[in-house]
Amino acid sequence: MQVHIFRGPGRIFGFTAQASGQNLPQKYAPWLEFRSIELLNDQHTPGVDANECLCDIETYGVHVTDAHIRITEEAIR
């Protein structure tokens, strides 16, 4: 899956399938485009757990991390 990565404040990163990043949580805005990558389940990807990221995107539409620690559920509340 093509995943677009955006940087928020500090060490917050948002991952989404939407190139615009419009669905990322506003509480961590502004989001700045960082890069896009191809993520596959069970494939090592530096800086992100691909399985966790793809699962969150399927479930919530986004995956959010703080210093590489998953905070998706907290971020979307």
N, C-alpha and C. Protein backbone atom coordinates (compact mmCIF):
# COMPACT_ATOMS: atom_id res chain seq x y z
N MET A 1 0.84 -1.17 0.00
CA MET A 1 0.00 0.00 0.00
C MET A 1 0.89 1.24 0.00
N GLN A 2 0.53 2.22 -0.77
CA GLN A 2 1.21 3.51 -0.79
C GLN A 2 0.77 4.29 0.45
N VAL A 3 1.72 4.68 1.29
CA VAL A 3 1.42 5.40 2.52
C VAL A 3 2.16 6.73 2.51
N HIS A 4 1.43 7.77 2.87
CA HIS A 4 1.99 9.12 2.90
C HIS A 4 2.27 9.46 4.35
N ILE A 5 3.49 9.95 4.60
CA ILE A 5 3.93 10.25 5.95
C ILE A 5 4.01 11.77 6.10
N PHE A 6 3.48 12.22 7.24
CA PHE A 6 3.47 13.64 7.57
C PHE A 6 4.10 13.83 8.95
N ARG A 7 4.78 14.95 9.11
CA ARG A 7 5.39 15.25 10.40
C ARG A 7 4.56 16.29 11.13
N GLY A 8 4.29 16.01 12.40
CA GLY A 8 3.60 16.95 13.26
C GLY A 8 4.61 17.61 14.19
N PRO A 9 4.16 18.13 15.33
CA PRO A 9 5.08 18.76 16.27
C PRO A 9 5.98 17.74 16.97
N GLY A 10 7.18 18.15 17.33
CA GLY A 10 8.10 17.27 18.05
C GLY A 10 8.43 16.04 17.23
N ARG A 11 8.19 14.87 17.82
CA ARG A 11 8.49 13.60 17.14
C ARG A 11 7.22 12.87 16.73
N ILE A 12 6.16 13.62 16.48
CA ILE A 12 4.88 13.05 16.04
C ILE A 12 4.91 12.85 14.53
N PHE A 13 4.50 11.65 14.08
CA PHE A 13 4.38 11.37 12.66
C PHE A 13 3.01 10.75 12.40
N GLY A 14 2.40 11.14 11.30
CA GLY A 14 1.12 10.60 10.87
C GLY A 14 1.28 9.88 9.55
N PHE A 15 0.63 8.74 9.45
CA PHE A 15 0.68 7.90 8.25
C PHE A 15 -0.74 7.74 7.74
N THR A 16 -0.94 7.89 6.45
CA THR A 16 -2.27 7.77 5.86
C THR A 16 -2.17 7.38 4.39
N ALA A 17 -3.23 6.81 3.88
CA ALA A 17 -3.29 6.49 2.45
C ALA A 17 -3.71 7.72 1.64
N GLN A 18 -4.20 8.76 2.32
CA GLN A 18 -4.64 9.98 1.63
C GLN A 18 -3.45 10.91 1.40
N ALA A 19 -3.16 11.19 0.16
CA ALA A 19 -2.00 12.02 -0.19
C ALA A 19 -2.10 13.42 0.41
N SER A 20 -3.30 13.91 0.64
CA SER A 20 -3.48 15.26 1.19
C SER A 20 -3.22 15.29 2.69
N GLY A 21 -3.35 14.16 3.38
CA GLY A 21 -3.20 14.12 4.83
C GLY A 21 -4.36 14.75 5.56
N GLN A 22 -5.42 15.04 4.84
CA GLN A 22 -6.57 15.75 5.39
C GLN A 22 -7.26 14.99 6.54
N ASN A 23 -7.09 13.69 6.60
CA ASN A 23 -7.76 12.91 7.64
C ASN A 23 -6.91 12.75 8.91
N LEU A 24 -5.74 13.38 8.96
CA LEU A 24 -4.90 13.29 10.16
C LEU A 24 -5.51 14.12 11.29
N PRO A 25 -5.30 13.71 12.55
CA PRO A 25 -5.91 14.41 13.69
C PRO A 25 -5.45 15.86 13.79
N GLN A 26 -6.42 16.76 13.91
CA GLN A 26 -6.12 18.19 13.98
C GLN A 26 -5.36 18.60 15.23
N LYS A 27 -5.46 17.79 16.30
CA LYS A 27 -4.78 18.20 17.53
C LYS A 27 -3.25 18.19 17.39
N TYR A 28 -2.73 17.56 16.34
CA TYR A 28 -1.28 17.57 16.11
C TYR A 28 -0.90 18.41 14.89
N ALA A 29 -1.84 19.18 14.38
CA ALA A 29 -1.56 20.06 13.24
C ALA A 29 -0.64 21.20 13.70
N PRO A 30 0.09 21.79 12.80
CA PRO A 30 0.06 21.56 11.36
C PRO A 30 0.89 20.32 10.98
N TRP A 31 0.40 19.64 9.98
CA TRP A 31 1.08 18.47 9.43
C TRP A 31 1.87 18.90 8.21
N LEU A 32 3.14 18.52 8.16
CA LEU A 32 3.98 18.84 7.01
C LEU A 32 4.30 17.56 6.26
N GLU A 33 4.19 17.62 4.94
CA GLU A 33 4.52 16.45 4.12
C GLU A 33 5.95 16.04 4.40
N PHE A 34 6.16 14.74 4.60
CA PHE A 34 7.50 14.22 4.87
C PHE A 34 7.98 13.37 3.70
N ARG A 35 7.25 12.29 3.41
CA ARG A 35 7.57 11.45 2.25
C ARG A 35 6.48 10.41 2.07
N SER A 36 6.56 9.67 0.98
CA SER A 36 5.63 8.57 0.70
C SER A 36 6.44 7.30 0.54
N ILE A 37 5.88 6.20 1.03
CA ILE A 37 6.57 4.91 0.92
C ILE A 37 5.56 3.83 0.59
N GLU A 38 6.06 2.72 0.10
CA GLU A 38 5.24 1.53 -0.15
C GLU A 38 5.41 0.63 1.07
N LEU A 39 4.31 0.34 1.78
CA LEU A 39 4.35 -0.54 2.94
C LEU A 39 3.68 -1.85 2.63
N LEU A 40 4.31 -2.93 3.06
CA LEU A 40 3.76 -4.27 2.90
C LEU A 40 3.78 -4.97 4.24
N ASN A 41 2.75 -5.75 4.53
CA ASN A 41 2.73 -6.54 5.76
C ASN A 41 3.95 -7.44 5.83
N ASP A 42 4.44 -7.62 7.05
CA ASP A 42 5.57 -8.52 7.33
C ASP A 42 6.87 -8.11 6.64
N GLN A 43 6.97 -6.86 6.23
CA GLN A 43 8.21 -6.38 5.61
C GLN A 43 8.86 -5.37 6.56
N HIS A 44 10.15 -5.54 6.85
CA HIS A 44 10.86 -4.61 7.72
C HIS A 44 10.94 -3.24 7.05
N THR A 45 10.49 -2.22 7.77
CA THR A 45 10.56 -0.86 7.29
C THR A 45 11.12 -0.01 8.44
N PRO A 46 12.28 0.59 8.27
CA PRO A 46 12.87 1.39 9.34
C PRO A 46 11.93 2.51 9.81
N GLY A 47 11.79 2.64 11.13
CA GLY A 47 11.01 3.74 11.70
C GLY A 47 9.54 3.48 11.90
N VAL A 48 9.03 2.36 11.38
CA VAL A 48 7.59 2.08 11.53
C VAL A 48 7.36 0.57 11.50
N ASP A 49 6.44 0.13 12.33
CA ASP A 49 6.01 -1.28 12.30
C ASP A 49 4.96 -1.38 11.20
N ALA A 50 5.33 -1.96 10.08
CA ALA A 50 4.45 -2.00 8.90
C ALA A 50 3.11 -2.68 9.21
N ASN A 51 3.12 -3.78 9.94
CA ASN A 51 1.87 -4.48 10.25
C ASN A 51 0.95 -3.60 11.09
N GLU A 52 1.50 -2.97 12.12
CA GLU A 52 0.73 -2.10 13.00
C GLU A 52 0.18 -0.89 12.22
N CYS A 53 1.02 -0.30 11.39
CA CYS A 53 0.63 0.86 10.60
C CYS A 53 -0.50 0.52 9.64
N LEU A 54 -0.35 -0.56 8.89
CA LEU A 54 -1.39 -0.94 7.92
C LEU A 54 -2.68 -1.33 8.61
N CYS A 55 -2.59 -1.97 9.76
CA CYS A 55 -3.79 -2.33 10.53
C CYS A 55 -4.51 -1.07 10.99
N ASP A 56 -3.78 -0.09 11.51
CA ASP A 56 -4.40 1.17 11.95
C ASP A 56 -5.04 1.91 10.78
N ILE A 57 -4.35 1.94 9.65
CA ILE A 57 -4.93 2.64 8.49
C ILE A 57 -6.22 1.96 8.05
N GLU A 58 -6.24 0.64 8.08
CA GLU A 58 -7.46 -0.09 7.72
C GLU A 58 -8.58 0.17 8.72
N THR A 59 -8.25 0.23 10.01
CA THR A 59 -9.25 0.40 11.06
C THR A 59 -9.66 1.85 11.26
N TYR A 60 -8.70 2.76 11.33
CA TYR A 60 -8.96 4.16 11.69
C TYR A 60 -8.74 5.15 10.55
N GLY A 61 -8.09 4.71 9.50
CA GLY A 61 -7.77 5.61 8.40
C GLY A 61 -6.42 6.28 8.55
N VAL A 62 -5.83 6.20 9.77
CA VAL A 62 -4.54 6.82 10.04
C VAL A 62 -3.75 5.96 11.01
N HIS A 63 -2.46 6.22 11.07
CA HIS A 63 -1.56 5.63 12.07
C HIS A 63 -0.72 6.79 12.57
N VAL A 64 -0.65 6.97 13.89
CA VAL A 64 0.08 8.09 14.46
C VAL A 64 1.09 7.55 15.47
N THR A 65 2.32 8.10 15.42
CA THR A 65 3.37 7.68 16.35
C THR A 65 4.00 8.91 17.02
N ASP A 66 4.53 8.68 18.20
CA ASP A 66 5.31 9.69 18.91
C ASP A 66 6.63 9.00 19.26
N ALA A 67 7.71 9.46 18.66
CA ALA A 67 9.03 8.84 18.85
C ALA A 67 8.97 7.35 18.56
N HIS A 68 8.30 6.98 17.49
CA HIS A 68 8.15 5.61 16.98
C HIS A 68 7.25 4.73 17.85
N ILE A 69 6.55 5.32 18.81
CA ILE A 69 5.61 4.58 19.66
C ILE A 69 4.20 4.88 19.16
N ARG A 70 3.41 3.85 18.95
CA ARG A 70 2.04 3.99 18.43
C ARG A 70 1.17 4.75 19.43
N ILE A 71 0.52 5.84 18.96
CA ILE A 71 -0.42 6.61 19.78
C ILE A 71 -1.73 6.84 19.02
N THR A 72 -2.03 6.01 18.07
CA THR A 72 -3.18 6.22 17.18
C THR A 72 -4.48 6.40 17.94
N GLU A 73 -4.81 5.50 18.84
CA GLU A 73 -6.10 5.59 19.54
C GLU A 73 -6.20 6.87 20.37
N GLU A 74 -5.13 7.24 21.04
CA GLU A 74 -5.11 8.49 21.81
C GLU A 74 -5.24 9.70 20.88
N ALA A 75 -4.58 9.64 19.74
CA ALA A 75 -4.56 10.75 18.80
C ALA A 75 -5.92 11.04 18.18
N ILE A 76 -6.73 10.02 17.98
CA ILE A 76 -8.02 10.24 17.30
C ILE A 76 -9.15 10.56 18.26
N ARG A 77 -8.90 10.52 19.56
CA ARG A 77 -9.95 10.87 20.54
C ARG A 77 -10.21 12.33 20.57
